[in-house]
Amino acid sequence: MTMTFQTIDEACATLQNAGFTNIEAVDRHDWFRELAHWELEQLSGPRHREFVDQVGEEDVARAIDANRKLVAVTETGELRPSHLRAQWPE
């Protein structure tokens, strides 16, 4: 699977080009980066045994691997979650 991400400005421009108005964007990068770090810490640290007991070692290992990658792309800014809001003209 491949994904193509847009910057916040590009996403707003796409909405505008599609005819939307009153476009608002909120950059959630800092919050999401902190959340990704916290999730990785919980999976690999104090709650590791609890997660293993619930879903098994393989699933926890996959989740840790995925979260490490998530942390990496949030640190570089490659993944920059945002909330976009727009209206379709009446």
N, C-alpha and C. Protein backbone atom coordinates (compact mmCIF):
# COMPACT_ATOMS: atom_id res chain seq x y z
N MET A 1 0.84 -1.16 0.00
CA MET A 1 0.00 0.00 0.00
C MET A 1 0.89 1.24 0.00
N THR A 2 0.51 2.19 -0.77
CA THR A 2 1.22 3.46 -0.76
C THR A 2 0.23 4.57 -0.46
N MET A 3 0.73 5.62 0.12
CA MET A 3 -0.10 6.76 0.44
C MET A 3 0.62 8.01 -0.01
N THR A 4 -0.16 8.98 -0.39
CA THR A 4 0.39 10.28 -0.73
C THR A 4 -0.24 11.29 0.21
N PHE A 5 0.59 11.99 0.94
CA PHE A 5 0.09 12.97 1.89
C PHE A 5 0.21 14.36 1.30
N GLN A 6 -0.66 15.23 1.75
CA GLN A 6 -0.59 16.63 1.37
C GLN A 6 -0.26 17.45 2.61
N THR A 7 0.35 18.59 2.40
CA THR A 7 0.52 19.52 3.50
C THR A 7 -0.85 20.08 3.86
N ILE A 8 -0.93 20.76 4.97
CA ILE A 8 -2.20 21.37 5.37
C ILE A 8 -2.63 22.39 4.31
N ASP A 9 -1.69 23.20 3.85
CA ASP A 9 -2.02 24.20 2.82
C ASP A 9 -2.51 23.54 1.54
N GLU A 10 -1.87 22.45 1.14
CA GLU A 10 -2.30 21.73 -0.06
C GLU A 10 -3.70 21.14 0.11
N ALA A 11 -3.98 20.59 1.29
CA ALA A 11 -5.30 20.02 1.54
C ALA A 11 -6.37 21.11 1.50
N CYS A 12 -6.06 22.27 2.06
CA CYS A 12 -7.02 23.39 2.01
C CYS A 12 -7.24 23.84 0.58
N ALA A 13 -6.18 23.89 -0.20
CA ALA A 13 -6.30 24.29 -1.61
C ALA A 13 -7.13 23.27 -2.39
N THR A 14 -6.98 21.99 -2.09
CA THR A 14 -7.77 20.95 -2.74
C THR A 14 -9.25 21.15 -2.43
N LEU A 15 -9.56 21.43 -1.17
CA LEU A 15 -10.95 21.69 -0.80
C LEU A 15 -11.50 22.92 -1.53
N GLN A 16 -10.69 23.97 -1.57
CA GLN A 16 -11.12 25.19 -2.25
C GLN A 16 -11.33 24.94 -3.75
N ASN A 17 -10.42 24.21 -4.37
CA ASN A 17 -10.55 23.89 -5.80
C ASN A 17 -11.77 23.02 -6.09
N ALA A 18 -12.20 22.26 -5.09
CA ALA A 18 -13.39 21.42 -5.25
C ALA A 18 -14.67 22.20 -5.02
N GLY A 19 -14.55 23.48 -4.60
CA GLY A 19 -15.72 24.31 -4.43
C GLY A 19 -16.14 24.57 -2.99
N PHE A 20 -15.43 24.04 -2.02
CA PHE A 20 -15.78 24.28 -0.63
C PHE A 20 -15.41 25.70 -0.22
N THR A 21 -16.10 26.21 0.79
CA THR A 21 -15.84 27.54 1.33
C THR A 21 -15.64 27.44 2.85
N ASN A 22 -15.32 28.57 3.45
CA ASN A 22 -15.14 28.63 4.92
C ASN A 22 -14.23 27.50 5.40
N ILE A 23 -13.10 27.38 4.80
CA ILE A 23 -12.16 26.29 5.09
C ILE A 23 -11.32 26.66 6.31
N GLU A 24 -11.28 25.73 7.25
CA GLU A 24 -10.48 25.90 8.45
C GLU A 24 -9.60 24.67 8.63
N ALA A 25 -8.42 24.89 9.16
CA ALA A 25 -7.51 23.77 9.42
C ALA A 25 -6.87 23.95 10.80
N VAL A 26 -6.77 22.85 11.51
CA VAL A 26 -6.11 22.83 12.81
C VAL A 26 -4.99 21.80 12.74
N ASP A 27 -3.77 22.25 12.96
CA ASP A 27 -2.61 21.36 12.95
C ASP A 27 -2.58 20.59 14.27
N ARG A 28 -2.69 19.26 14.21
CA ARG A 28 -2.71 18.41 15.41
C ARG A 28 -1.38 17.67 15.62
N HIS A 29 -0.35 18.12 14.93
CA HIS A 29 0.92 17.42 14.94
C HIS A 29 1.51 17.23 16.33
N ASP A 30 1.60 18.28 17.11
CA ASP A 30 2.23 18.16 18.43
C ASP A 30 1.48 17.18 19.32
N TRP A 31 0.16 17.27 19.35
CA TRP A 31 -0.64 16.34 20.15
C TRP A 31 -0.44 14.91 19.68
N PHE A 32 -0.48 14.69 18.36
CA PHE A 32 -0.37 13.34 17.83
C PHE A 32 1.02 12.76 18.07
N ARG A 33 2.06 13.57 17.94
CA ARG A 33 3.43 13.11 18.20
C ARG A 33 3.55 12.63 19.65
N GLU A 34 3.01 13.41 20.58
CA GLU A 34 3.04 13.01 21.99
C GLU A 34 2.27 11.72 22.22
N LEU A 35 1.11 11.59 21.58
CA LEU A 35 0.30 10.38 21.71
C LEU A 35 1.04 9.16 21.17
N ALA A 36 1.69 9.30 20.03
CA ALA A 36 2.44 8.18 19.45
C ALA A 36 3.56 7.73 20.38
N HIS A 37 4.27 8.67 20.97
CA HIS A 37 5.32 8.33 21.94
C HIS A 37 4.74 7.62 23.16
N TRP A 38 3.62 8.13 23.67
CA TRP A 38 2.99 7.53 24.84
C TRP A 38 2.55 6.10 24.56
N GLU A 39 1.92 5.88 23.39
CA GLU A 39 1.47 4.53 23.05
C GLU A 39 2.64 3.56 22.97
N LEU A 40 3.73 3.98 22.34
CA LEU A 40 4.90 3.11 22.25
C LEU A 40 5.45 2.81 23.64
N GLU A 41 5.49 3.82 24.48
CA GLU A 41 5.99 3.63 25.85
C GLU A 41 5.12 2.63 26.60
N GLN A 42 3.81 2.72 26.45
CA GLN A 42 2.90 1.79 27.13
C GLN A 42 3.06 0.36 26.60
N LEU A 43 3.16 0.23 25.29
CA LEU A 43 3.28 -1.10 24.69
C LEU A 43 4.58 -1.80 25.06
N SER A 44 5.65 -1.04 25.13
CA SER A 44 6.95 -1.66 25.37
C SER A 44 7.41 -1.53 26.81
N GLY A 45 6.67 -0.80 27.63
CA GLY A 45 7.11 -0.55 28.99
C GLY A 45 6.19 -1.14 30.04
N PRO A 46 5.59 -0.26 30.85
CA PRO A 46 4.89 -0.70 32.05
C PRO A 46 3.67 -1.61 31.81
N ARG A 47 3.05 -1.52 30.67
CA ARG A 47 1.85 -2.33 30.43
C ARG A 47 2.10 -3.46 29.44
N HIS A 48 3.36 -3.69 29.10
CA HIS A 48 3.69 -4.71 28.10
C HIS A 48 3.06 -6.07 28.45
N ARG A 49 3.26 -6.54 29.65
CA ARG A 49 2.75 -7.86 30.07
C ARG A 49 1.23 -7.90 29.98
N GLU A 50 0.58 -6.82 30.37
CA GLU A 50 -0.89 -6.76 30.30
C GLU A 50 -1.37 -6.92 28.86
N PHE A 51 -0.71 -6.24 27.92
CA PHE A 51 -1.09 -6.36 26.52
C PHE A 51 -0.82 -7.76 25.98
N VAL A 52 0.32 -8.34 26.34
CA VAL A 52 0.65 -9.69 25.89
C VAL A 52 -0.40 -10.68 26.40
N ASP A 53 -0.78 -10.54 27.65
CA ASP A 53 -1.79 -11.43 28.22
C ASP A 53 -3.13 -11.30 27.50
N GLN A 54 -3.42 -10.11 26.98
CA GLN A 54 -4.71 -9.89 26.32
C GLN A 54 -4.73 -10.34 24.86
N VAL A 55 -3.63 -10.08 24.12
CA VAL A 55 -3.68 -10.35 22.68
C VAL A 55 -2.54 -11.23 22.17
N GLY A 56 -1.58 -11.53 23.00
CA GLY A 56 -0.48 -12.40 22.59
C GLY A 56 0.76 -11.63 22.17
N GLU A 57 1.89 -12.32 22.27
CA GLU A 57 3.19 -11.71 21.99
C GLU A 57 3.32 -11.23 20.55
N GLU A 58 2.82 -12.02 19.60
CA GLU A 58 2.96 -11.64 18.18
C GLU A 58 2.24 -10.32 17.88
N ASP A 59 1.02 -10.20 18.36
CA ASP A 59 0.26 -8.97 18.10
C ASP A 59 0.91 -7.77 18.77
N VAL A 60 1.41 -7.95 19.97
CA VAL A 60 2.08 -6.84 20.66
C VAL A 60 3.37 -6.47 19.93
N ALA A 61 4.11 -7.46 19.47
CA ALA A 61 5.35 -7.18 18.72
C ALA A 61 5.03 -6.40 17.44
N ARG A 62 3.94 -6.77 16.74
CA ARG A 62 3.53 -6.03 15.54
C ARG A 62 3.12 -4.60 15.89
N ALA A 63 2.41 -4.45 17.00
CA ALA A 63 1.98 -3.12 17.42
C ALA A 63 3.18 -2.25 17.78
N ILE A 64 4.16 -2.83 18.45
CA ILE A 64 5.37 -2.07 18.80
C ILE A 64 6.11 -1.65 17.53
N ASP A 65 6.23 -2.56 16.58
CA ASP A 65 6.89 -2.22 15.32
C ASP A 65 6.15 -1.09 14.60
N ALA A 66 4.83 -1.20 14.53
CA ALA A 66 4.03 -0.17 13.86
C ALA A 66 4.16 1.17 14.59
N ASN A 67 4.15 1.14 15.92
CA ASN A 67 4.27 2.39 16.67
C ASN A 67 5.66 3.01 16.55
N ARG A 68 6.68 2.19 16.45
CA ARG A 68 8.03 2.75 16.21
C ARG A 68 8.06 3.50 14.89
N LYS A 69 7.44 2.92 13.87
CA LYS A 69 7.37 3.59 12.57
C LYS A 69 6.53 4.86 12.65
N LEU A 70 5.45 4.79 13.39
CA LEU A 70 4.59 5.95 13.57
C LEU A 70 5.35 7.09 14.25
N VAL A 71 6.07 6.76 15.30
CA VAL A 71 6.88 7.77 16.00
C VAL A 71 7.89 8.38 15.03
N ALA A 72 8.52 7.56 14.22
CA ALA A 72 9.53 8.06 13.28
C ALA A 72 8.94 9.07 12.30
N VAL A 73 7.78 8.78 11.72
CA VAL A 73 7.21 9.70 10.74
C VAL A 73 6.59 10.93 11.38
N THR A 74 6.19 10.83 12.64
CA THR A 74 5.71 12.05 13.31
C THR A 74 6.89 12.93 13.71
N GLU A 75 8.01 12.32 14.04
CA GLU A 75 9.20 13.11 14.39
C GLU A 75 9.74 13.90 13.20
N THR A 76 9.69 13.31 12.03
CA THR A 76 10.20 14.01 10.84
C THR A 76 9.18 15.00 10.28
N GLY A 77 7.93 14.89 10.73
CA GLY A 77 6.88 15.74 10.19
C GLY A 77 6.27 15.18 8.92
N GLU A 78 6.72 13.99 8.54
CA GLU A 78 6.19 13.33 7.35
C GLU A 78 4.70 13.05 7.49
N LEU A 79 4.30 12.71 8.71
CA LEU A 79 2.89 12.53 9.04
C LEU A 79 2.50 13.69 9.95
N ARG A 80 1.55 14.48 9.49
CA ARG A 80 1.16 15.69 10.22
C ARG A 80 -0.36 15.75 10.27
N PRO A 81 -0.97 15.05 11.23
CA PRO A 81 -2.42 15.03 11.31
C PRO A 81 -3.01 16.43 11.49
N SER A 82 -4.17 16.61 10.90
CA SER A 82 -4.87 17.89 10.97
C SER A 82 -6.36 17.64 11.02
N HIS A 83 -7.06 18.62 11.51
CA HIS A 83 -8.52 18.62 11.41
C HIS A 83 -8.87 19.66 10.36
N LEU A 84 -9.61 19.24 9.36
CA LEU A 84 -10.05 20.14 8.31
C LEU A 84 -11.56 20.29 8.39
N ARG A 85 -12.00 21.50 8.21
CA ARG A 85 -13.43 21.77 8.25
C ARG A 85 -13.74 22.71 7.08
N ALA A 86 -14.83 22.43 6.39
CA ALA A 86 -15.21 23.27 5.25
C ALA A 86 -16.72 23.14 5.03
N GLN A 87 -17.25 24.09 4.30
CA GLN A 87 -18.67 24.05 3.99
C GLN A 87 -18.87 23.98 2.48
N TRP A 88 -19.91 23.26 2.11
CA TRP A 88 -20.32 23.24 0.72
C TRP A 88 -21.30 24.39 0.55
N PRO A 89 -21.08 25.24 -0.43
CA PRO A 89 -21.97 26.40 -0.59
C PRO A 89 -23.41 25.96 -0.87
N GLU A 90 -24.33 26.72 -0.30
CA GLU A 90 -25.76 26.40 -0.49
C GLU A 90 -26.27 26.89 -1.81
